N, C-alpha and C. Protein backbone atom coordinates (compact mmCIF):
# COMPACT_ATOMS: atom_id res chain seq x y z
N MET A 1 -72.58 -96.92 -67.93
CA MET A 1 -73.37 -97.74 -67.03
C MET A 1 -72.76 -97.67 -65.63
N LEU A 2 -73.63 -97.71 -64.65
CA LEU A 2 -73.21 -97.70 -63.25
C LEU A 2 -73.81 -98.89 -62.53
N ILE A 3 -73.05 -99.45 -61.59
CA ILE A 3 -73.58 -100.48 -60.70
C ILE A 3 -74.25 -99.76 -59.55
N ALA A 4 -75.46 -100.19 -59.19
CA ALA A 4 -76.20 -99.55 -58.10
C ALA A 4 -76.97 -100.61 -57.32
N LYS A 5 -77.37 -100.24 -56.11
CA LYS A 5 -78.19 -101.11 -55.28
C LYS A 5 -79.54 -100.46 -55.08
N VAL A 6 -80.59 -101.25 -55.23
CA VAL A 6 -81.94 -100.74 -55.01
C VAL A 6 -82.15 -100.64 -53.50
N ILE A 7 -82.47 -99.43 -53.03
CA ILE A 7 -82.63 -99.21 -51.59
C ILE A 7 -84.04 -98.82 -51.19
N GLY A 8 -84.92 -98.58 -52.16
CA GLY A 8 -86.28 -98.19 -51.81
C GLY A 8 -87.16 -98.00 -53.02
N THR A 9 -88.38 -97.60 -52.74
CA THR A 9 -89.36 -97.34 -53.79
C THR A 9 -89.94 -95.95 -53.63
N THR A 10 -90.55 -95.46 -54.67
CA THR A 10 -91.25 -94.20 -54.58
C THR A 10 -92.58 -94.33 -55.34
N VAL A 11 -93.58 -93.65 -54.86
CA VAL A 11 -94.90 -93.70 -55.48
C VAL A 11 -95.27 -92.28 -55.90
N SER A 12 -95.74 -92.16 -57.11
CA SER A 12 -96.17 -90.88 -57.64
C SER A 12 -97.47 -91.08 -58.39
N THR A 13 -98.57 -90.64 -57.82
CA THR A 13 -99.86 -90.84 -58.47
C THR A 13 -100.13 -89.81 -59.55
N ILE A 14 -99.51 -88.65 -59.43
CA ILE A 14 -99.66 -87.61 -60.45
C ILE A 14 -98.30 -87.45 -61.12
N LYS A 15 -98.25 -87.77 -62.43
CA LYS A 15 -96.98 -87.71 -63.16
C LYS A 15 -97.27 -87.55 -64.65
N ASP A 16 -96.23 -87.32 -65.41
CA ASP A 16 -96.36 -87.23 -66.85
C ASP A 16 -97.03 -88.50 -67.37
N GLU A 17 -97.95 -88.36 -68.28
CA GLU A 17 -98.71 -89.52 -68.78
C GLU A 17 -97.80 -90.57 -69.42
N LYS A 18 -96.62 -90.20 -69.89
CA LYS A 18 -95.70 -91.16 -70.49
C LYS A 18 -95.05 -92.06 -69.44
N LEU A 19 -95.19 -91.72 -68.16
CA LEU A 19 -94.61 -92.52 -67.09
C LEU A 19 -95.64 -93.37 -66.35
N VAL A 20 -96.90 -93.27 -66.72
CA VAL A 20 -97.94 -94.06 -66.07
C VAL A 20 -97.64 -95.54 -66.28
N GLY A 21 -97.69 -96.29 -65.18
CA GLY A 21 -97.45 -97.73 -65.24
C GLY A 21 -96.02 -98.15 -65.00
N TYR A 22 -95.11 -97.20 -64.88
CA TYR A 22 -93.71 -97.53 -64.63
C TYR A 22 -93.39 -97.50 -63.15
N LYS A 23 -92.60 -98.48 -62.70
CA LYS A 23 -92.16 -98.54 -61.31
C LYS A 23 -90.93 -97.65 -61.16
N LEU A 24 -90.94 -96.82 -60.12
CA LEU A 24 -89.82 -95.92 -59.83
C LEU A 24 -89.12 -96.41 -58.58
N LEU A 25 -87.83 -96.71 -58.70
CA LEU A 25 -87.06 -97.24 -57.58
C LEU A 25 -85.96 -96.27 -57.17
N ILE A 26 -85.64 -96.27 -55.89
CA ILE A 26 -84.55 -95.45 -55.36
C ILE A 26 -83.31 -96.33 -55.33
N VAL A 27 -82.23 -95.84 -55.94
CA VAL A 27 -80.98 -96.60 -56.00
C VAL A 27 -79.82 -95.72 -55.54
N ARG A 28 -78.74 -96.40 -55.12
CA ARG A 28 -77.49 -95.70 -54.81
C ARG A 28 -76.37 -96.42 -55.53
N GLN A 29 -75.48 -95.65 -56.09
CA GLN A 29 -74.34 -96.22 -56.80
C GLN A 29 -73.48 -97.04 -55.84
N THR A 30 -72.84 -98.09 -56.36
CA THR A 30 -71.92 -98.90 -55.57
C THR A 30 -70.57 -98.93 -56.24
N ASP A 31 -69.57 -99.33 -55.46
CA ASP A 31 -68.26 -99.58 -56.05
C ASP A 31 -68.24 -100.99 -56.62
N GLU A 32 -67.09 -101.44 -57.09
CA GLU A 32 -67.00 -102.75 -57.72
C GLU A 32 -67.19 -103.91 -56.75
N LEU A 33 -67.20 -103.62 -55.44
CA LEU A 33 -67.43 -104.64 -54.43
C LEU A 33 -68.86 -104.62 -53.91
N GLY A 34 -69.66 -103.71 -54.44
CA GLY A 34 -71.06 -103.63 -54.03
C GLY A 34 -71.32 -102.75 -52.83
N GLN A 35 -70.34 -101.94 -52.42
CA GLN A 35 -70.50 -101.03 -51.29
C GLN A 35 -71.11 -99.72 -51.78
N VAL A 36 -72.25 -99.32 -51.18
CA VAL A 36 -72.95 -98.13 -51.63
C VAL A 36 -72.20 -96.86 -51.24
N PHE A 37 -72.35 -95.83 -52.07
CA PHE A 37 -71.80 -94.51 -51.77
C PHE A 37 -72.61 -93.48 -52.57
N GLY A 38 -72.40 -92.23 -52.28
CA GLY A 38 -73.06 -91.17 -53.04
C GLY A 38 -74.52 -90.98 -52.67
N LYS A 39 -75.11 -90.04 -53.38
CA LYS A 39 -76.51 -89.69 -53.13
C LYS A 39 -77.44 -90.67 -53.83
N PRO A 40 -78.59 -90.95 -53.20
CA PRO A 40 -79.58 -91.80 -53.88
C PRO A 40 -80.22 -91.05 -55.04
N PHE A 41 -80.69 -91.81 -56.02
CA PHE A 41 -81.42 -91.23 -57.13
C PHE A 41 -82.53 -92.18 -57.55
N VAL A 42 -83.49 -91.65 -58.28
CA VAL A 42 -84.65 -92.43 -58.72
C VAL A 42 -84.40 -92.89 -60.15
N ALA A 43 -84.70 -94.17 -60.40
CA ALA A 43 -84.56 -94.73 -61.74
C ALA A 43 -85.82 -95.48 -62.12
N VAL A 44 -86.19 -95.40 -63.39
CA VAL A 44 -87.32 -96.17 -63.91
C VAL A 44 -86.87 -97.62 -64.03
N ASP A 45 -87.67 -98.53 -63.49
CA ASP A 45 -87.34 -99.96 -63.51
C ASP A 45 -87.96 -100.61 -64.74
N THR A 46 -87.11 -101.17 -65.60
CA THR A 46 -87.61 -101.85 -66.81
C THR A 46 -87.45 -103.37 -66.72
N VAL A 47 -86.94 -103.87 -65.58
CA VAL A 47 -86.63 -105.30 -65.48
C VAL A 47 -87.21 -105.97 -64.24
N ASP A 48 -88.12 -105.30 -63.55
CA ASP A 48 -88.76 -105.84 -62.35
C ASP A 48 -87.77 -106.11 -61.22
N ALA A 49 -86.90 -105.16 -60.97
CA ALA A 49 -85.94 -105.25 -59.86
C ALA A 49 -86.67 -105.02 -58.54
N GLY A 50 -86.00 -105.35 -57.44
CA GLY A 50 -86.59 -105.15 -56.12
C GLY A 50 -85.56 -104.65 -55.13
N ILE A 51 -86.04 -104.29 -53.95
CA ILE A 51 -85.15 -103.79 -52.90
C ILE A 51 -84.09 -104.83 -52.60
N GLY A 52 -82.84 -104.37 -52.53
CA GLY A 52 -81.70 -105.24 -52.25
C GLY A 52 -80.99 -105.74 -53.49
N ASP A 53 -81.64 -105.63 -54.65
CA ASP A 53 -80.99 -106.09 -55.89
C ASP A 53 -79.83 -105.18 -56.27
N LEU A 54 -78.80 -105.79 -56.82
CA LEU A 54 -77.71 -105.05 -57.45
C LEU A 54 -78.07 -104.96 -58.93
N VAL A 55 -78.00 -103.76 -59.49
CA VAL A 55 -78.50 -103.53 -60.84
C VAL A 55 -77.50 -102.71 -61.65
N LEU A 56 -77.70 -102.73 -62.98
CA LEU A 56 -76.97 -101.82 -63.86
C LEU A 56 -77.92 -100.70 -64.24
N THR A 57 -77.42 -99.48 -64.16
CA THR A 57 -78.22 -98.32 -64.53
C THR A 57 -77.49 -97.52 -65.60
N CYS A 58 -78.23 -96.71 -66.29
CA CYS A 58 -77.61 -95.69 -67.14
C CYS A 58 -78.43 -94.42 -66.98
N SER A 59 -77.83 -93.31 -67.35
CA SER A 59 -78.52 -92.04 -67.14
C SER A 59 -78.32 -91.13 -68.34
N GLY A 60 -78.99 -90.00 -68.27
CA GLY A 60 -78.92 -89.04 -69.36
C GLY A 60 -79.63 -89.56 -70.59
N SER A 61 -79.15 -89.16 -71.76
CA SER A 61 -79.81 -89.58 -73.00
C SER A 61 -79.77 -91.09 -73.19
N SER A 62 -78.80 -91.77 -72.63
CA SER A 62 -78.73 -93.23 -72.72
C SER A 62 -79.91 -93.90 -72.03
N ALA A 63 -80.47 -93.24 -71.03
CA ALA A 63 -81.61 -93.81 -70.30
C ALA A 63 -82.85 -93.88 -71.19
N ARG A 64 -82.86 -93.14 -72.26
CA ARG A 64 -84.01 -93.14 -73.17
C ARG A 64 -83.79 -94.03 -74.38
N GLN A 65 -82.85 -94.96 -74.28
CA GLN A 65 -82.54 -95.84 -75.41
C GLN A 65 -83.13 -97.24 -75.27
N THR A 66 -83.78 -97.57 -74.15
CA THR A 66 -84.41 -98.89 -74.03
C THR A 66 -85.76 -98.86 -74.74
N GLU A 67 -86.26 -100.02 -75.08
CA GLU A 67 -87.58 -100.10 -75.73
C GLU A 67 -88.67 -99.46 -74.89
N GLN A 68 -88.59 -99.65 -73.56
CA GLN A 68 -89.64 -99.13 -72.67
C GLN A 68 -89.54 -97.63 -72.42
N THR A 69 -88.34 -97.06 -72.52
CA THR A 69 -88.17 -95.65 -72.16
C THR A 69 -87.95 -94.72 -73.35
N LYS A 70 -87.99 -95.25 -74.54
CA LYS A 70 -87.77 -94.41 -75.73
C LYS A 70 -88.81 -93.29 -75.78
N ASP A 71 -88.32 -92.08 -75.98
CA ASP A 71 -89.17 -90.88 -76.09
C ASP A 71 -89.97 -90.59 -74.82
N LYS A 72 -89.43 -90.98 -73.67
CA LYS A 72 -90.10 -90.71 -72.39
C LYS A 72 -89.19 -89.77 -71.56
N PRO A 73 -89.77 -88.99 -70.64
CA PRO A 73 -88.99 -88.05 -69.84
C PRO A 73 -88.24 -88.77 -68.71
N VAL A 74 -87.21 -89.53 -69.07
CA VAL A 74 -86.48 -90.36 -68.13
C VAL A 74 -85.02 -89.93 -68.10
N ASP A 75 -84.45 -89.79 -66.90
CA ASP A 75 -83.04 -89.44 -66.76
C ASP A 75 -82.21 -90.60 -66.24
N ALA A 76 -82.83 -91.61 -65.63
CA ALA A 76 -82.10 -92.78 -65.14
C ALA A 76 -83.00 -94.01 -65.30
N VAL A 77 -82.38 -95.13 -65.68
CA VAL A 77 -83.13 -96.35 -65.92
C VAL A 77 -82.36 -97.54 -65.36
N ILE A 78 -83.11 -98.50 -64.81
CA ILE A 78 -82.53 -99.79 -64.42
C ILE A 78 -82.76 -100.71 -65.61
N MET A 79 -81.67 -101.20 -66.18
CA MET A 79 -81.78 -102.00 -67.40
C MET A 79 -81.31 -103.43 -67.25
N SER A 80 -80.82 -103.78 -66.04
CA SER A 80 -80.34 -105.14 -65.83
C SER A 80 -80.23 -105.42 -64.34
N ILE A 81 -80.57 -106.65 -63.95
CA ILE A 81 -80.34 -107.12 -62.58
C ILE A 81 -79.08 -107.98 -62.62
N ILE A 82 -78.14 -107.69 -61.76
CA ILE A 82 -76.86 -108.40 -61.75
C ILE A 82 -77.00 -109.73 -61.00
N ASP A 83 -76.56 -110.81 -61.64
CA ASP A 83 -76.55 -112.14 -61.01
C ASP A 83 -75.28 -112.36 -60.22
N SER A 84 -74.15 -111.92 -60.76
CA SER A 84 -72.89 -112.06 -60.05
C SER A 84 -71.90 -111.02 -60.54
N LEU A 85 -70.94 -110.71 -59.67
CA LEU A 85 -69.86 -109.79 -60.01
C LEU A 85 -68.55 -110.51 -59.73
N ASP A 86 -67.69 -110.56 -60.73
CA ASP A 86 -66.36 -111.13 -60.57
C ASP A 86 -65.35 -110.02 -60.80
N VAL A 87 -64.49 -109.78 -59.81
CA VAL A 87 -63.49 -108.73 -59.89
C VAL A 87 -62.13 -109.35 -59.62
N GLU A 88 -61.22 -109.18 -60.55
CA GLU A 88 -59.86 -109.70 -60.43
C GLU A 88 -59.84 -111.18 -60.07
N GLY A 89 -60.71 -111.94 -60.73
CA GLY A 89 -60.73 -113.38 -60.53
C GLY A 89 -61.47 -113.87 -59.30
N LYS A 90 -62.08 -112.97 -58.54
CA LYS A 90 -62.82 -113.35 -57.34
C LYS A 90 -64.27 -112.93 -57.48
N THR A 91 -65.17 -113.81 -57.06
CA THR A 91 -66.58 -113.47 -57.05
C THR A 91 -66.84 -112.61 -55.82
N VAL A 92 -67.22 -111.36 -56.07
CA VAL A 92 -67.46 -110.43 -54.95
C VAL A 92 -68.95 -110.27 -54.65
N PHE A 93 -69.79 -110.75 -55.58
CA PHE A 93 -71.24 -110.70 -55.36
C PHE A 93 -71.87 -111.87 -56.09
N GLN A 94 -72.77 -112.54 -55.41
CA GLN A 94 -73.55 -113.63 -56.01
C GLN A 94 -74.99 -113.47 -55.51
N LYS A 95 -75.92 -113.30 -56.46
CA LYS A 95 -77.31 -113.14 -56.08
C LYS A 95 -77.83 -114.46 -55.51
N THR A 96 -78.56 -114.35 -54.42
CA THR A 96 -79.17 -115.54 -53.82
C THR A 96 -80.60 -115.67 -54.30
N ALA A 97 -81.09 -116.87 -54.34
CA ALA A 97 -82.44 -117.13 -54.86
C ALA A 97 -83.50 -116.62 -53.94
């Protein structure tokens, strides 16, 4: 699993029929403090995340292990929205309402 930040959306009107109805979000991996780095990638959203959310993602064959993505052509999935991050006894991220 990787921590990532949702930085955008993508729209695809023509796609594999197994992906119809799924929201595709652009995310970038973050470090344990929530600082983004690396190249952006697209992940299927299974939890109704939005721009600015800190999320947990997985990729590869693990991305096809959720109920929504089983047997679908998915390489990355957002499977959780992070409410807070505590690192070494300090809260480094707290989601605001």
